[in-house]
Amino acid sequence: MIRTFRNIRLLVAALAVVAFTGNAFAQDHGLAGGSRWDVSLDMPMWPALGDLDPVAGGSFDSTGFGLGVSWHFPIAHYANSDLLFGVDASVAATDSSVNGFFESVLARQLYLGGSLKWLLGERRNYSLDAGLGYHEVDLAEVDSEWWGPREYEHWSSEKASVFVGATWDIGAGRLDHDSGLFIGLRVHFADFGRVSDESFSGTLGPNAGQLDGPLYLLRIGYSAR
């Protein structure tokens, strides 16, 4: 992405600020020890992406791949649940059979936002999740040869994105365990508008379709508290 470096710096800075302020808040309010973090391998599934109709022919894969991370700290304790607030960040890509100038076109995403996590269950190992954040998407060709990477961006869009989801901390839910495997599902909603070539119109064309939600994101990884 053209703006990726700038956004990664923003992402790292936001994670650092939340980690610092979150621990301070928890200690000041007697909630220390309840923070949660995770890292994940993500699998995006985006029906609208597969429905695009580029003039060059071909289509985008039904699933992609990505990496995600999140950090949450407690803001309220209840008798049978805990409410946490934090940040989420992820990058993902989906390949295609759409031929460009020198490579097939790749759909790339970057997401950074804040969210609430409502932990439920006796061991607080289930949660309902909701978030809002910055979501950037582009369609580009990327060629990483030994003499250096090159890329050509056909189209890009930046929007606010909301998601709802659920998480199951399988490992952390065991007796005397506070870390382990987790699985989660998020459903993002955003309207990125009409997809078209921003310069030369020989790949996507003047109107390849509308790219909007829902975007399903399956997350499998490691969580700890």
Protein backbone atom coordinates (compact mmCIF):
# COMPACT_ATOMS: atom_id res chain seq x y z
CA MET A 1 0.00 0.00 0.00
CA ILE A 2 1.17 3.50 -0.77
CA ARG A 3 0.42 4.68 2.78
CA THR A 4 1.35 1.47 4.60
CA PHE A 5 4.53 2.75 6.29
CA ARG A 6 2.74 5.77 7.71
CA ASN A 7 -0.13 3.61 8.98
CA ILE A 8 2.15 1.00 10.55
CA ARG A 9 3.89 3.75 12.53
CA LEU A 10 0.45 4.96 13.65
CA LEU A 11 -0.52 1.38 14.54
CA VAL A 12 2.59 0.80 16.69
CA ALA A 13 2.20 4.15 18.43
CA ALA A 14 -1.46 3.45 19.23
CA LEU A 15 -0.68 0.00 20.65
CA ALA A 16 2.03 1.48 22.87
CA VAL A 17 -0.26 4.26 24.14
CA VAL A 18 -3.10 1.83 24.91
CA ALA A 19 -0.76 -0.59 26.69
CA PHE A 20 0.60 2.20 28.91
CA THR A 21 -2.69 3.97 29.65
CA GLY A 22 -4.56 0.68 30.02
CA ASN A 23 -2.23 -0.61 32.74
CA ALA A 24 -2.34 2.75 34.50
CA PHE A 25 -6.16 2.82 34.37
CA ALA A 26 -6.43 -0.75 35.66
CA GLN A 27 -4.08 -0.07 38.58
CA ASP A 28 -5.80 3.20 39.51
CA HIS A 29 -9.19 1.47 39.60
CA GLY A 30 -8.16 -1.77 41.24
CA LEU A 31 -8.57 -3.81 38.04
CA ALA A 32 -4.97 -4.92 37.53
CA GLY A 33 -4.32 -8.46 36.35
CA GLY A 34 -7.26 -8.71 33.97
CA SER A 35 -5.74 -7.52 30.69
CA ARG A 36 -5.81 -9.80 27.64
CA TRP A 37 -3.73 -9.89 24.43
CA ASP A 38 -3.62 -12.13 21.40
CA VAL A 39 -1.84 -12.74 18.10
CA SER A 40 -3.54 -14.56 15.25
CA LEU A 41 -3.45 -15.98 11.79
CA ASP A 42 -6.45 -14.51 9.98
CA MET A 43 -8.54 -15.80 7.10
CA PRO A 44 -10.62 -13.07 5.40
CA MET A 45 -13.66 -14.15 3.38
CA TRP A 46 -15.22 -11.32 1.37
CA PRO A 47 -18.18 -12.16 -0.90
CA ALA A 48 -18.23 -8.70 -2.55
CA LEU A 49 -14.56 -9.08 -3.50
CA GLY A 50 -15.31 -12.33 -5.29
CA ASP A 51 -18.23 -10.67 -7.11
CA LEU A 52 -16.04 -8.01 -8.77
CA ASP A 53 -15.95 -8.19 -12.57
CA PRO A 54 -12.64 -6.78 -13.91
CA VAL A 55 -12.41 -6.13 -17.66
CA ALA A 56 -9.16 -8.16 -17.73
CA GLY A 57 -11.10 -11.24 -16.64
CA GLY A 58 -10.38 -13.54 -13.72
CA SER A 59 -11.61 -13.31 -10.14
CA PHE A 60 -10.43 -12.99 -6.55
CA ASP A 61 -10.00 -16.03 -4.32
CA SER A 62 -12.77 -16.88 -1.87
CA THR A 63 -10.36 -16.71 1.11
CA GLY A 64 -7.18 -14.80 1.92
CA PHE A 65 -4.54 -14.75 4.63
CA GLY A 66 -3.38 -12.28 7.24
CA LEU A 67 -1.98 -11.49 10.68
CA GLY A 68 -3.69 -9.82 13.61
CA VAL A 69 -2.95 -8.56 17.12
CA SER A 70 -5.06 -7.10 19.91
CA TRP A 71 -4.66 -5.80 23.46
CA HIS A 72 -7.50 -5.19 25.92
CA PHE A 73 -7.65 -4.05 29.53
CA PRO A 74 -10.56 -4.16 32.01
CA ILE A 75 -12.78 -1.14 32.49
CA ALA A 76 -15.53 -2.82 34.55
CA HIS A 77 -16.08 -6.01 36.57
CA TYR A 78 -19.51 -7.56 37.08
CA ALA A 79 -20.72 -10.62 38.97
CA ASN A 80 -20.77 -12.86 35.89
CA SER A 81 -18.80 -10.92 33.29
CA ASP A 82 -16.01 -8.40 32.64
CA LEU A 83 -15.93 -5.50 30.18
CA LEU A 84 -12.62 -4.75 28.45
CA PHE A 85 -11.51 -1.99 26.10
CA GLY A 86 -8.52 -2.04 23.76
CA VAL A 87 -7.11 -1.88 20.26
CA ASP A 88 -7.07 -4.25 17.30
CA ALA A 89 -4.73 -4.26 14.32
CA SER A 90 -4.50 -6.52 11.31
CA VAL A 91 -3.11 -6.82 7.80
CA ALA A 92 -4.43 -9.23 5.18
CA ALA A 93 -4.21 -10.08 1.50
CA THR A 94 -6.32 -12.02 -1.00
CA ASP A 95 -4.84 -13.35 -4.25
CA SER A 96 -6.59 -13.45 -7.62
CA SER A 97 -6.42 -14.73 -11.17
CA VAL A 98 -6.80 -11.17 -12.51
CA ASN A 99 -3.77 -10.50 -14.71
CA GLY A 100 -2.18 -7.07 -14.50
CA PHE A 101 0.84 -5.55 -16.21
CA PHE A 102 3.45 -7.79 -14.58
CA GLU A 103 1.66 -9.81 -11.83
CA SER A 104 -1.78 -10.95 -10.74
CA VAL A 105 -3.74 -8.35 -8.78
CA LEU A 106 -3.69 -8.65 -4.97
CA ALA A 107 -6.36 -7.26 -2.63
CA ARG A 108 -4.66 -5.88 0.51
CA GLN A 109 -6.15 -4.62 3.76
CA LEU A 110 -4.97 -2.74 6.82
CA TYR A 111 -7.22 -2.28 9.86
CA LEU A 112 -6.60 -0.31 13.08
CA GLY A 113 -9.27 0.46 15.63
CA GLY A 114 -10.64 0.33 19.14
CA SER A 115 -13.08 -2.23 20.50
CA LEU A 116 -15.05 -3.47 23.48
CA LYS A 117 -14.77 -7.09 24.62
CA TRP A 118 -17.47 -8.49 26.93
CA LEU A 119 -16.01 -11.56 28.66
CA LEU A 120 -18.58 -14.14 29.75
CA GLY A 121 -18.59 -17.53 31.46
CA GLU A 122 -17.28 -18.76 34.78
CA ARG A 123 -13.71 -18.67 33.47
CA ARG A 124 -14.30 -15.58 31.30
CA ASN A 125 -13.24 -17.55 28.23
CA TYR A 126 -16.05 -16.46 25.89
CA SER A 127 -16.54 -12.93 24.64
CA LEU A 128 -18.81 -10.83 22.48
CA ASP A 129 -16.84 -8.18 20.59
CA ALA A 130 -17.62 -4.89 18.84
CA GLY A 131 -15.26 -2.34 17.33
CA LEU A 132 -14.82 0.72 15.16
CA GLY A 133 -11.70 1.71 13.22
CA TYR A 134 -9.77 2.85 10.20
CA HIS A 135 -9.88 0.38 7.28
CA GLU A 136 -7.72 0.72 4.17
CA VAL A 137 -8.07 -1.49 1.10
CA ASP A 138 -6.20 -1.48 -2.20
CA LEU A 139 -5.96 -3.61 -5.35
CA ALA A 140 -2.38 -3.74 -6.55
CA GLU A 141 0.28 -5.77 -8.31
CA VAL A 142 3.31 -6.63 -6.15
CA ASP A 143 6.46 -8.18 -7.57
CA SER A 144 9.24 -9.06 -5.10
CA GLU A 145 12.26 -10.04 -7.15
CA TRP A 146 15.83 -10.24 -5.94
CA TRP A 147 16.66 -6.78 -7.33
CA GLY A 148 13.95 -5.16 -5.25
CA PRO A 149 10.16 -5.06 -4.89
CA ARG A 150 7.93 -3.07 -7.20
CA GLU A 151 4.21 -2.43 -7.10
CA TYR A 152 1.49 -0.83 -9.15
CA GLU A 153 -1.69 0.27 -7.37
CA HIS A 154 -4.85 0.11 -9.49
CA TRP A 155 -7.35 1.28 -6.87
CA SER A 156 -7.52 2.14 -3.16
CA SER A 157 -10.05 3.32 -0.59
CA GLU A 158 -10.05 4.32 3.09
CA LYS A 159 -13.19 4.13 5.22
CA ALA A 160 -14.42 3.77 8.77
CA SER A 161 -15.28 0.16 9.48
CA VAL A 162 -17.35 -1.39 12.26
CA PHE A 163 -17.28 -5.02 13.31
CA VAL A 164 -19.14 -7.41 15.59
CA GLY A 165 -17.86 -10.80 16.58
CA ALA A 166 -17.23 -13.48 19.15
CA THR A 167 -14.12 -15.15 20.64
CA TRP A 168 -13.50 -18.44 22.43
CA ASP A 169 -10.33 -18.69 24.55
CA ILE A 170 -9.92 -22.46 24.45
CA GLY A 171 -6.55 -22.59 26.20
CA ALA A 172 -7.16 -19.86 28.77
CA GLY A 173 -10.45 -21.52 29.72
CA ARG A 174 -8.74 -24.56 31.22
CA LEU A 175 -8.22 -24.90 34.96
CA ASP A 176 -4.95 -23.26 36.11
CA HIS A 177 -4.17 -21.98 32.60
CA ASP A 178 -4.12 -18.34 31.53
CA SER A 179 -2.96 -18.74 27.93
CA GLY A 180 -3.33 -20.97 24.89
CA LEU A 181 -5.27 -21.45 21.67
CA PHE A 182 -8.18 -19.19 20.77
CA ILE A 183 -10.60 -18.99 17.85
CA GLY A 184 -12.70 -16.00 16.85
CA LEU A 185 -14.95 -14.63 14.13
CA ARG A 186 -15.49 -10.99 13.19
CA VAL A 187 -17.90 -9.52 10.67
CA HIS A 188 -16.80 -6.14 9.29
CA PHE A 189 -19.19 -3.66 7.68
CA ALA A 190 -17.92 -0.86 5.43
CA ASP A 191 -18.74 0.53 1.99
CA PHE A 192 -15.55 1.19 0.02
CA GLY A 193 -17.42 2.37 -3.05
CA ARG A 194 -17.10 1.62 -6.74
CA VAL A 195 -13.98 -0.23 -7.85
CA SER A 196 -12.28 1.04 -11.01
CA ASP A 197 -8.85 1.71 -12.45
CA GLU A 198 -7.60 5.03 -11.12
CA SER A 199 -5.41 5.62 -14.17
CA PHE A 200 -5.14 3.10 -17.00
CA SER A 201 -8.47 1.26 -17.44
CA GLY A 202 -7.21 -1.99 -18.96
CA THR A 203 -7.29 -4.17 -15.81
CA LEU A 204 -10.21 -3.32 -13.55
CA GLY A 205 -12.03 -1.13 -16.05
CA PRO A 206 -14.26 1.88 -15.37
CA ASN A 207 -16.65 -0.09 -13.13
CA ALA A 208 -15.67 -3.51 -11.76
CA GLY A 209 -18.43 -3.43 -9.16
CA GLN A 210 -19.15 -2.29 -5.62
CA LEU A 211 -16.92 -3.34 -2.71
CA ASP A 212 -18.85 -3.39 0.55
CA GLY A 213 -19.61 -5.60 3.54
CA PRO A 214 -20.01 -7.99 5.08
CA LEU A 215 -16.37 -9.09 5.33
CA TYR A 216 -15.92 -12.24 7.44
CA LEU A 217 -12.64 -12.68 9.33
CA LEU A 218 -11.81 -16.03 10.92
CA ARG A 219 -9.05 -15.70 13.56
CA ILE A 220 -7.03 -18.56 15.05
CA GLY A 221 -4.10 -17.89 17.35
CA TYR A 222 -2.65 -17.53 20.83
CA SER A 223 -4.15 -15.50 23.67
CA ALA A 224 -2.92 -14.76 27.18
CA ARG A 225 -3.97 -12.81 30.27
